[in-house]
Amino acid sequence: MTKTEDHIPNIVVVGGGAGGLELVTKLGKKLGKKGKASITLVDSSHTHIWKPLLHEVAAGTLDSHEDEIEYLSQALCSGFRFRLGKMDGLDRDNKCITVAPTYNDAGEEIIPRRKFDYDYLVIAIGSVSHDFGIKGVEQHCLFLDTTSQAENFQSQLLESYLRAHTQGKPLDKGQLDIAIVGAGATGVELSAQLHEVSHLLMAYGLDEIKPTDVKISIIEAASRVLPGLPENLSAATETELAKLGVSVLTNERVVEVTDSEIRTESGKVIPAAIKVWAAGIKAPDFLKNIAGLETNWMNQLVVHQTLQTTLDDAIYAIGDCAACKWIGQDQNVPPRAQAAHQMASHVFKSITLRLAGKTELPEYHYHDYGSLVSLGRYSTVGNMMGNLSKGSLMIEGFMARIMYLSLYKMHQVALFGLFRVGMLSLSHLFRRSVHPKIKLH
């Protein structure tokens, strides 16, 4: 790249999820505040919430407004700029992205279409649910890709309870039944949270509904829950789900979803008033072959081990939207928060080296530190050290819960620093002592 004497590089990061927000925060503090680069974050939402918490938002056990981060506030503190909007185009020849207009609830345009120039572009837009073209999924299922979708789920869930509590007649068959398609971490954790909700709402006065009136089912095409994790972890999780009364249907491939039921390839029919789709992910459709870049069947941008896209060294991809080889394994790096965290740190190092004139860039090596699955207040199970221990070092109970909570704290420390996270944690403890344990509106 040819630079003039007073040229300040433009670094644009698209997507303010776990990886994207950590990256712009580091770049802003290291380069933006010192005037060594212009750092810009582009996202279609005003706020950030850690995606692994969305199942808690959906269940109502977490109020998103208490844990969300305002991008504009984070930008002010960290030395980057935030621009609201959804990226919808890329011009590699002129090194710029286009961002679609933004409209208010009345349909009025409040922000026009814009272009942003870049010297380095990092695409970190995460993933969305993949319905695999199955009939009725888009029309009849709820999704948990965004905070607004999770809040919509919580609103529908509470409405269904309030309706059932005050209807003055016995519940209709299956009136409060919930079916979750997909037994990955999201589906499993959501089922446990929903079980907890059924007890909490009764405690808070909706006592016309008993927890036994709510049937929660998980439907999974694979032979076990958590199919991407070690078998001992799956077995322990299934045991805990059975204790909670969650019905687990494995080896059942969904072929159709209607307004009132889910149908599987084997002929099973699962009635459900609320249907949640958590069966697979893909990168957003607009990424497919964008500007001629190489993508895979999941719309992920294919990258070298440096996390640069295969056809353009000025463009990086991190997180769920990146297809990066997992060195030493016969698969790509899995779409997990720990991978996004590691990728953000790697790209931060890579860009700072390039700005210093270095041409030799480090390769990204994914380190699997294990997986943890929270079953609400009832249990937490997990395996530590990941591939280093072949998934055999399993933990449960209190220690697993502490480790699970520490993952979120690590994300917060990357954004705020240790002192502020300590103050936030203390504030959270005080809030819990006066606020209800579940969102009631």
Protein backbone atom coordinates (compact mmCIF):
# COMPACT_ATOMS: atom_id res chain seq x y z
CA MET A 1 0.00 0.00 0.00
CA THR A 2 1.37 3.37 -1.01
CA LYS A 3 1.04 5.98 1.70
CA THR A 4 1.43 9.72 1.72
CA GLU A 5 3.33 11.37 4.53
CA ASP A 6 0.17 12.27 6.45
CA HIS A 7 -1.91 9.24 5.53
CA ILE A 8 -3.80 7.69 8.44
CA PRO A 9 -4.95 4.14 7.65
CA ASN A 10 -8.68 3.45 7.72
CA ILE A 11 -9.56 0.21 9.53
CA VAL A 12 -13.21 -0.77 9.18
CA VAL A 13 -14.73 -3.61 11.21
CA VAL A 14 -18.20 -4.78 10.18
CA GLY A 15 -20.08 -6.50 12.98
CA GLY A 16 -20.04 -5.71 16.69
CA GLY A 17 -20.38 -9.22 18.09
CA ALA A 18 -17.96 -10.87 20.50
CA GLY A 19 -14.99 -10.79 18.13
CA GLY A 20 -15.73 -7.54 16.31
CA LEU A 21 -16.30 -5.43 19.41
CA GLU A 22 -13.22 -6.80 21.18
CA LEU A 23 -11.15 -6.06 18.08
CA VAL A 24 -12.25 -2.43 17.62
CA THR A 25 -11.81 -1.83 21.34
CA LYS A 26 -8.20 -3.04 21.19
CA LEU A 27 -7.47 -1.18 17.95
CA GLY A 28 -9.08 1.99 19.26
CA LYS A 29 -7.05 2.00 22.46
CA LYS A 30 -3.80 1.08 20.72
CA LEU A 31 -4.11 3.12 17.51
CA GLY A 32 -7.24 5.26 17.45
CA LYS A 33 -6.56 7.25 20.61
CA LYS A 34 -3.00 7.93 19.47
CA GLY A 35 -4.07 9.12 16.02
CA LYS A 36 -2.18 6.30 14.30
CA ALA A 37 -5.26 4.98 12.53
CA SER A 38 -8.95 5.72 12.04
CA ILE A 39 -11.00 2.86 13.49
CA THR A 40 -14.66 2.46 12.50
CA LEU A 41 -17.22 -0.11 13.65
CA VAL A 42 -20.29 -0.66 11.47
CA ASP A 43 -23.27 -2.55 12.88
CA SER A 44 -27.02 -2.64 12.20
CA SER A 45 -27.87 -2.49 15.91
CA HIS A 46 -27.34 0.24 18.49
CA THR A 47 -26.22 -2.17 21.20
CA HIS A 48 -24.19 -5.30 21.84
CA ILE A 49 -25.02 -8.30 23.98
CA TRP A 50 -22.89 -11.42 24.26
CA LYS A 51 -24.59 -13.93 21.95
CA PRO A 52 -24.28 -16.95 24.31
CA LEU A 53 -26.63 -15.04 26.65
CA LEU A 54 -29.50 -14.78 24.14
CA HIS A 55 -31.21 -17.94 25.38
CA GLU A 56 -31.46 -16.27 28.81
CA VAL A 57 -32.95 -13.15 27.22
CA ALA A 58 -35.46 -15.35 25.40
CA ALA A 59 -36.49 -17.10 28.61
CA GLY A 60 -36.69 -13.81 30.51
CA THR A 61 -34.10 -14.80 33.12
CA LEU A 62 -31.86 -12.00 31.82
CA ASP A 63 -33.01 -8.47 31.02
CA SER A 64 -31.07 -7.45 27.93
CA HIS A 65 -31.30 -3.78 28.87
CA GLU A 66 -29.23 -4.43 31.99
CA ASP A 67 -26.37 -6.25 30.21
CA GLU A 68 -26.29 -4.57 26.80
CA ILE A 69 -23.44 -2.29 25.75
CA GLU A 70 -24.10 0.93 23.84
CA TYR A 71 -21.77 1.03 20.85
CA LEU A 72 -21.57 4.83 20.91
CA SER A 73 -20.54 4.78 24.57
CA GLN A 74 -17.94 2.07 24.01
CA ALA A 75 -16.61 4.01 21.02
CA LEU A 76 -16.16 7.17 23.09
CA CYS A 77 -14.25 5.33 25.81
CA SER A 78 -12.10 3.25 23.47
CA GLY A 79 -11.05 5.55 20.62
CA PHE A 80 -13.07 4.26 17.68
CA ARG A 81 -16.08 5.54 15.75
CA PHE A 82 -19.43 3.77 15.53
CA ARG A 83 -21.65 4.01 12.46
CA LEU A 84 -25.16 2.54 12.45
CA GLY A 85 -26.16 0.57 9.38
CA LYS A 86 -26.15 -2.77 7.59
CA MET A 87 -23.39 -3.51 5.10
CA ASP A 88 -24.86 -4.60 1.77
CA GLY A 89 -22.04 -4.21 -0.73
CA LEU A 90 -18.27 -4.35 -1.25
CA ASP A 91 -16.12 -2.67 -3.89
CA ARG A 92 -12.68 -4.25 -3.67
CA ASP A 93 -11.21 -2.19 -6.52
CA ASN A 94 -11.96 1.09 -4.78
CA LYS A 95 -11.60 -0.35 -1.27
CA CYS A 96 -14.95 0.71 0.11
CA ILE A 97 -18.09 -0.85 1.52
CA THR A 98 -21.66 0.33 1.07
CA VAL A 99 -24.11 0.52 3.95
CA ALA A 100 -27.86 0.37 3.38
CA PRO A 101 -30.16 3.21 4.46
CA THR A 102 -31.61 3.09 7.97
CA TYR A 103 -35.34 3.58 8.54
CA ASN A 104 -37.38 4.28 11.67
CA ASP A 105 -40.46 2.35 12.76
CA ALA A 106 -42.66 4.57 10.60
CA GLY A 107 -40.68 3.64 7.49
CA GLU A 108 -38.99 7.04 7.20
CA GLU A 109 -35.36 7.18 6.13
CA ILE A 110 -33.25 8.62 8.92
CA ILE A 111 -29.77 7.70 7.62
CA PRO A 112 -29.09 7.64 3.86
CA ARG A 113 -27.02 5.06 2.02
CA ARG A 114 -23.31 5.64 2.67
CA LYS A 115 -19.87 4.44 1.65
CA PHE A 116 -16.89 3.86 3.90
CA ASP A 117 -13.34 3.64 2.57
CA TYR A 118 -10.92 1.18 4.10
CA ASP A 119 -7.29 0.22 3.98
CA TYR A 120 -8.02 -2.86 6.07
CA LEU A 121 -11.46 -4.43 6.32
CA VAL A 122 -12.49 -6.99 8.92
CA ILE A 123 -15.80 -8.79 8.40
CA ALA A 124 -17.17 -10.12 11.69
CA ILE A 125 -20.91 -10.32 11.10
CA GLY A 126 -21.45 -13.65 12.81
CA SER A 127 -24.07 -16.16 11.74
CA VAL A 128 -27.83 -16.64 11.40
CA SER A 129 -30.05 -19.69 11.65
CA HIS A 130 -30.02 -22.11 8.71
CA ASP A 131 -33.47 -23.54 7.95
CA PHE A 132 -32.11 -25.80 5.16
CA GLY A 133 -35.13 -24.91 3.05
CA ILE A 134 -37.45 -27.05 5.20
CA LYS A 135 -41.11 -26.27 4.60
CA GLY A 136 -42.74 -24.00 7.18
CA VAL A 137 -39.66 -23.21 9.28
CA GLU A 138 -39.40 -19.55 8.29
CA GLN A 139 -43.15 -18.97 8.71
CA HIS A 140 -43.80 -20.83 11.96
CA CYS A 141 -40.57 -20.95 13.98
CA LEU A 142 -38.93 -18.41 16.24
CA PHE A 143 -35.19 -17.77 15.96
CA LEU A 144 -32.58 -16.56 18.45
CA ASP A 145 -30.02 -14.85 16.23
CA THR A 146 -30.43 -11.32 17.57
CA THR A 147 -31.45 -9.52 20.75
CA SER A 148 -34.71 -8.36 19.14
CA GLN A 149 -35.61 -11.95 18.20
CA ALA A 150 -34.86 -13.14 21.74
CA GLU A 151 -36.99 -10.33 23.19
CA ASN A 152 -39.80 -11.22 20.79
CA PHE A 153 -39.64 -14.82 22.01
CA GLN A 154 -39.80 -13.69 25.65
CA SER A 155 -42.79 -11.47 24.88
CA GLN A 156 -44.69 -14.31 23.17
CA LEU A 157 -43.83 -16.71 25.98
CA LEU A 158 -45.11 -14.35 28.68
CA GLU A 159 -48.27 -13.59 26.68
CA SER A 160 -49.02 -17.29 26.35
CA TYR A 161 -48.67 -17.75 30.13
CA LEU A 162 -50.85 -14.72 30.92
CA ARG A 163 -53.53 -15.92 28.49
CA ALA A 164 -53.55 -19.40 29.97
CA HIS A 165 -53.57 -18.07 33.56
CA THR A 166 -56.67 -15.89 33.03
CA GLN A 167 -58.73 -17.83 30.47
CA GLY A 168 -61.02 -19.30 33.14
CA LYS A 169 -61.14 -22.81 31.68
CA PRO A 170 -58.86 -25.84 31.54
CA LEU A 171 -55.88 -25.59 29.23
CA ASP A 172 -56.29 -26.89 25.72
CA LYS A 173 -54.11 -29.86 24.86
CA GLY A 174 -50.61 -28.65 24.07
CA GLN A 175 -51.51 -25.00 24.70
CA LEU A 176 -48.21 -24.26 26.41
CA ASP A 177 -46.04 -26.93 24.78
CA ILE A 178 -42.66 -25.75 23.48
CA ALA A 179 -40.60 -27.61 20.87
CA ILE A 180 -36.97 -26.77 20.20
CA VAL A 181 -35.42 -28.08 16.99
CA GLY A 182 -31.71 -28.61 17.49
CA ALA A 183 -29.90 -30.08 20.49
CA GLY A 184 -26.77 -27.96 20.28
CA ALA A 185 -25.75 -25.69 23.14
CA THR A 186 -28.45 -23.10 22.35
CA GLY A 187 -31.29 -25.61 22.28
CA VAL A 188 -30.15 -27.47 25.39
CA GLU A 189 -29.52 -24.34 27.46
CA LEU A 190 -32.82 -22.78 26.36
CA SER A 191 -34.77 -25.89 27.42
CA ALA A 192 -33.30 -25.72 30.93
CA GLN A 193 -34.03 -22.00 31.21
CA LEU A 194 -37.64 -22.57 30.11
CA HIS A 195 -38.04 -25.25 32.75
CA GLU A 196 -36.85 -22.74 35.35
CA VAL A 197 -39.27 -20.12 34.01
CA SER A 198 -42.25 -22.45 34.51
CA HIS A 199 -41.43 -22.58 38.25
CA LEU A 200 -40.58 -18.88 38.60
CA LEU A 201 -43.80 -17.65 36.99
CA MET A 202 -45.86 -19.80 39.34
CA ALA A 203 -43.93 -18.33 42.28
CA TYR A 204 -44.63 -14.80 41.02
CA GLY A 205 -48.40 -15.36 40.99
CA LEU A 206 -49.29 -17.15 37.77
CA ASP A 207 -50.27 -20.12 39.88
CA GLU A 208 -53.13 -21.30 37.68
CA ILE A 209 -50.39 -22.89 35.59
CA LYS A 210 -48.38 -25.74 37.00
CA PRO A 211 -44.92 -26.64 35.66
CA THR A 212 -46.37 -29.99 34.59
CA ASP A 213 -48.71 -28.11 32.24
CA VAL A 214 -45.72 -27.12 30.13
CA LYS A 215 -44.13 -29.83 28.00
CA ILE A 216 -40.69 -28.99 26.61
CA SER A 217 -39.29 -31.10 23.78
CA ILE A 218 -35.95 -31.08 21.97
CA ILE A 219 -35.79 -32.60 18.48
CA GLU A 220 -32.39 -33.55 17.08
CA ALA A 221 -31.44 -35.21 13.79
CA ALA A 222 -28.23 -36.66 15.21
CA SER A 223 -28.03 -39.68 17.51
CA ARG A 224 -27.36 -37.64 20.67
CA VAL A 225 -27.65 -34.17 22.16
CA LEU A 226 -24.66 -31.85 21.75
CA PRO A 227 -23.45 -33.89 18.74
CA GLY A 228 -20.42 -31.65 18.22
CA LEU A 229 -19.07 -32.25 21.73
CA PRO A 230 -17.58 -35.30 23.48
CA GLU A 231 -19.92 -38.23 24.10
CA ASN A 232 -19.46 -38.19 27.88
CA LEU A 233 -20.61 -34.57 27.96
CA SER A 234 -23.65 -35.46 25.83
CA ALA A 235 -24.56 -38.34 28.12
CA ALA A 236 -24.26 -36.21 31.27
CA THR A 237 -26.37 -33.48 29.70
CA GLU A 238 -29.09 -35.88 28.61
CA THR A 239 -29.24 -37.29 32.13
CA GLU A 240 -29.73 -33.79 33.55
CA LEU A 241 -32.41 -32.97 30.97
CA ALA A 242 -34.30 -36.13 31.91
CA LYS A 243 -34.27 -34.98 35.56
CA LEU A 244 -35.87 -31.71 34.43
CA GLY A 245 -38.57 -33.54 32.51
CA VAL A 246 -37.39 -32.32 29.11
CA SER A 247 -38.34 -34.76 26.36
CA VAL A 248 -35.39 -35.49 24.04
CA LEU A 249 -36.09 -36.95 20.59
CA THR A 250 -32.91 -37.95 18.76
CA ASN A 251 -32.50 -39.43 15.26
CA GLU A 252 -35.50 -37.37 14.21
CA ARG A 253 -35.07 -35.22 11.10
CA VAL A 254 -37.68 -32.45 10.75
CA VAL A 255 -39.36 -32.36 7.34
CA GLU A 256 -42.16 -29.84 7.92
CA VAL A 257 -43.35 -27.28 10.45
CA THR A 258 -46.97 -26.11 10.60
CA ASP A 259 -48.77 -23.60 12.77
CA SER A 260 -49.47 -26.22 15.45
CA GLU A 261 -46.96 -29.05 15.06
CA ILE A 262 -43.61 -30.35 13.86
CA ARG A 263 -43.39 -33.39 11.60
CA THR A 264 -40.37 -35.65 11.25
CA GLU A 265 -39.09 -38.00 8.59
CA SER A 266 -39.97 -41.07 10.66
CA GLY A 267 -43.62 -40.01 10.84
CA LYS A 268 -43.63 -38.51 14.34
CA VAL A 269 -45.85 -35.47 14.95
CA ILE A 270 -44.91 -33.18 17.85
CA PRO A 271 -47.62 -30.67 18.81
CA ALA A 272 -46.26 -27.32 19.96
CA ALA A 273 -47.69 -23.88 20.53
CA ILE A 274 -44.22 -22.31 20.45
CA LYS A 275 -41.59 -23.64 18.05
CA VAL A 276 -37.93 -22.61 18.17
CA TRP A 277 -35.40 -23.30 15.41
CA ALA A 278 -31.84 -23.84 16.65
CA ALA A 279 -30.76 -26.60 14.27
CA GLY A 280 -27.94 -25.04 12.31
CA ILE A 281 -26.20 -21.84 11.28
CA LYS A 282 -24.84 -20.10 8.21
CA ALA A 283 -23.28 -16.75 7.46
CA PRO A 284 -25.76 -14.13 6.16
CA ASP A 285 -26.80 -14.70 2.55
CA PHE A 286 -25.41 -11.41 1.25
CA LEU A 287 -21.89 -12.73 1.84
CA LYS A 288 -22.27 -15.48 -0.77
CA ASN A 289 -19.51 -14.79 -3.32
CA ILE A 290 -19.55 -11.10 -2.37
CA ALA A 291 -17.28 -9.10 -4.70
CA GLY A 292 -15.93 -12.39 -6.03
CA LEU A 293 -14.49 -13.53 -2.69
CA GLU A 294 -14.32 -17.26 -2.02
CA THR A 295 -17.15 -18.63 0.15
CA ASN A 296 -18.34 -22.10 1.14
CA TRP A 297 -21.80 -23.73 1.27
CA MET A 298 -22.51 -21.93 4.55
CA ASN A 299 -21.73 -18.53 2.98
CA GLN A 300 -18.63 -18.27 5.18
CA LEU A 301 -15.65 -16.38 3.78
CA VAL A 302 -12.78 -18.79 3.18
CA VAL A 303 -9.59 -17.50 4.78
CA HIS A 304 -5.90 -18.39 4.95
CA GLN A 305 -4.37 -19.29 8.32
CA THR A 306 -3.57 -15.58 8.67
CA LEU A 307 -7.37 -14.97 8.64
CA GLN A 308 -7.01 -12.95 5.43
CA THR A 309 -9.48 -13.89 2.70
CA THR A 310 -8.01 -16.13 0.03
CA LEU A 311 -8.41 -13.58 -2.78
CA ASP A 312 -7.78 -10.28 -1.00
CA ASP A 313 -5.09 -9.70 1.64
CA ALA A 314 -6.66 -6.41 2.74
CA ILE A 315 -9.81 -8.20 3.93
CA TYR A 316 -9.99 -10.35 7.06
CA ALA A 317 -12.85 -12.47 8.36
CA ILE A 318 -13.29 -13.61 11.96
CA GLY A 319 -15.88 -15.45 14.02
CA ASP A 320 -18.79 -17.49 12.73
CA CYS A 321 -18.61 -15.96 9.22
CA ALA A 322 -15.04 -17.21 8.65
CA ALA A 323 -14.10 -20.64 7.29
CA CYS A 324 -10.64 -21.30 8.72
CA LYS A 325 -8.86 -24.64 8.84
CA TRP A 326 -8.42 -26.08 12.32
CA ILE A 327 -4.78 -27.12 12.21
CA GLY A 328 -4.36 -30.73 13.28
CA GLN A 329 -8.06 -31.54 12.86
CA ASP A 330 -10.07 -32.65 9.85
CA GLN A 331 -12.50 -29.74 10.12
CA ASN A 332 -12.75 -25.97 10.26
CA VAL A 333 -12.56 -23.94 13.44
CA PRO A 334 -15.96 -24.36 15.16
CA PRO A 335 -18.30 -21.36 15.55
CA ARG A 336 -17.76 -20.66 19.24
CA ALA A 337 -17.27 -17.54 21.31
CA GLN A 338 -13.79 -18.66 22.35
CA ALA A 339 -12.80 -18.89 18.67
CA ALA A 340 -14.07 -15.36 17.98
CA HIS A 341 -12.12 -14.09 20.99
CA GLN A 342 -8.91 -15.74 19.78
CA MET A 343 -9.41 -14.52 16.21
CA ALA A 344 -9.91 -10.94 17.38
CA SER A 345 -6.60 -11.05 19.24
CA HIS A 346 -4.87 -12.56 16.23
CA VAL A 347 -6.14 -9.94 13.75
CA PHE A 348 -5.24 -7.15 16.18
CA LYS A 349 -1.67 -8.44 16.20
CA SER A 350 -1.65 -8.91 12.42
CA ILE A 351 -2.85 -5.40 11.60
CA THR A 352 -0.49 -3.73 14.05
CA LEU A 353 2.41 -5.66 12.49
CA ARG A 354 1.38 -4.57 9.00
CA LEU A 355 1.14 -0.94 10.08
CA ALA A 356 4.67 -1.29 11.44
CA GLY A 357 5.83 -2.39 7.99
CA LYS A 358 6.15 -6.10 8.74
CA THR A 359 5.39 -8.54 5.93
CA GLU A 360 5.70 -11.82 7.81
CA LEU A 361 2.34 -12.41 9.47
CA PRO A 362 1.62 -15.06 12.10
CA GLU A 363 -0.71 -17.98 11.40
CA TYR A 364 -3.81 -18.50 13.50
CA HIS A 365 -3.94 -21.67 15.59
CA TYR A 366 -7.23 -22.39 17.32
CA HIS A 367 -6.84 -23.58 20.92
CA ASP A 368 -9.83 -25.52 22.20
CA TYR A 369 -10.08 -24.95 25.94
CA GLY A 370 -13.16 -27.12 26.30
CA SER A 371 -16.91 -26.61 26.31
CA LEU A 372 -19.38 -25.75 29.04
CA VAL A 373 -23.16 -26.10 28.96
CA SER A 374 -25.33 -24.32 31.51
CA LEU A 375 -28.61 -25.94 32.54
CA GLY A 376 -29.76 -22.86 34.42
CA ARG A 377 -29.59 -23.00 38.19
CA TYR A 378 -29.92 -26.77 38.10
CA SER A 379 -26.55 -27.83 36.77
CA THR A 380 -23.58 -26.99 34.60
CA VAL A 381 -21.55 -29.64 32.79
CA GLY A 382 -18.45 -29.38 30.66
CA ASN A 383 -15.11 -30.71 29.60
CA MET A 384 -11.87 -28.82 30.07
CA MET A 385 -8.72 -28.58 27.94
CA GLY A 386 -10.71 -29.52 24.82
CA ASN A 387 -8.70 -31.52 22.31
CA LEU A 388 -5.69 -31.60 24.67
CA SER A 389 -7.52 -34.02 26.94
CA LYS A 390 -9.61 -35.63 24.16
CA GLY A 391 -12.69 -34.39 26.01
CA SER A 392 -12.03 -36.76 28.93
CA LEU A 393 -11.44 -34.17 31.68
CA MET A 394 -15.06 -33.61 32.62
CA ILE A 395 -16.38 -31.26 35.28
CA GLU A 396 -19.85 -30.74 36.73
CA GLY A 397 -21.67 -28.75 39.36
CA PHE A 398 -20.34 -25.68 41.18
CA MET A 399 -16.88 -25.65 39.60
CA ALA A 400 -18.33 -25.99 36.11
CA ARG A 401 -20.74 -23.13 36.85
CA ILE A 402 -17.90 -20.87 37.99
CA MET A 403 -15.95 -21.68 34.81
CA TYR A 404 -19.03 -20.96 32.69
CA LEU A 405 -19.55 -17.55 34.29
CA SER A 406 -15.85 -16.74 33.88
CA LEU A 407 -16.19 -16.96 30.08
CA TYR A 408 -18.47 -13.93 30.06
CA LYS A 409 -16.22 -12.12 32.52
CA MET A 410 -13.27 -12.64 30.15
CA HIS A 411 -15.28 -10.99 27.38
CA GLN A 412 -16.12 -8.07 29.66
CA VAL A 413 -12.49 -7.68 30.75
CA ALA A 414 -11.46 -7.44 27.08
CA LEU A 415 -13.92 -4.56 26.67
CA PHE A 416 -13.73 -2.70 29.97
CA GLY A 417 -10.63 -3.77 31.87
CA LEU A 418 -10.43 -5.57 35.19
CA PHE A 419 -11.41 -2.70 37.51
CA ARG A 420 -14.60 -1.76 35.68
CA VAL A 421 -15.64 -5.41 35.43
CA GLY A 422 -15.21 -5.72 39.20
CA MET A 423 -17.50 -2.72 39.70
CA LEU A 424 -20.03 -4.11 37.21
CA SER A 425 -20.07 -7.46 39.00
CA LEU A 426 -20.64 -5.75 42.34
CA SER A 427 -23.44 -3.67 40.86
CA HIS A 428 -25.00 -6.83 39.40
CA LEU A 429 -25.07 -8.47 42.84
CA PHE A 430 -26.93 -5.49 44.31
CA ARG A 431 -29.40 -5.48 41.40
CA ARG A 432 -30.19 -9.16 41.90
CA SER A 433 -31.12 -8.50 45.52
CA VAL A 434 -33.92 -6.06 44.58
CA HIS A 435 -35.00 -7.11 41.07
CA PRO A 436 -37.20 -10.12 40.24
CA LYS A 437 -35.46 -13.25 39.00
CA ILE A 438 -37.39 -13.11 35.74
CA LYS A 439 -38.53 -10.36 33.40
CA LEU A 440 -42.27 -9.93 34.00
CA HIS A 441 -43.26 -7.53 31.23
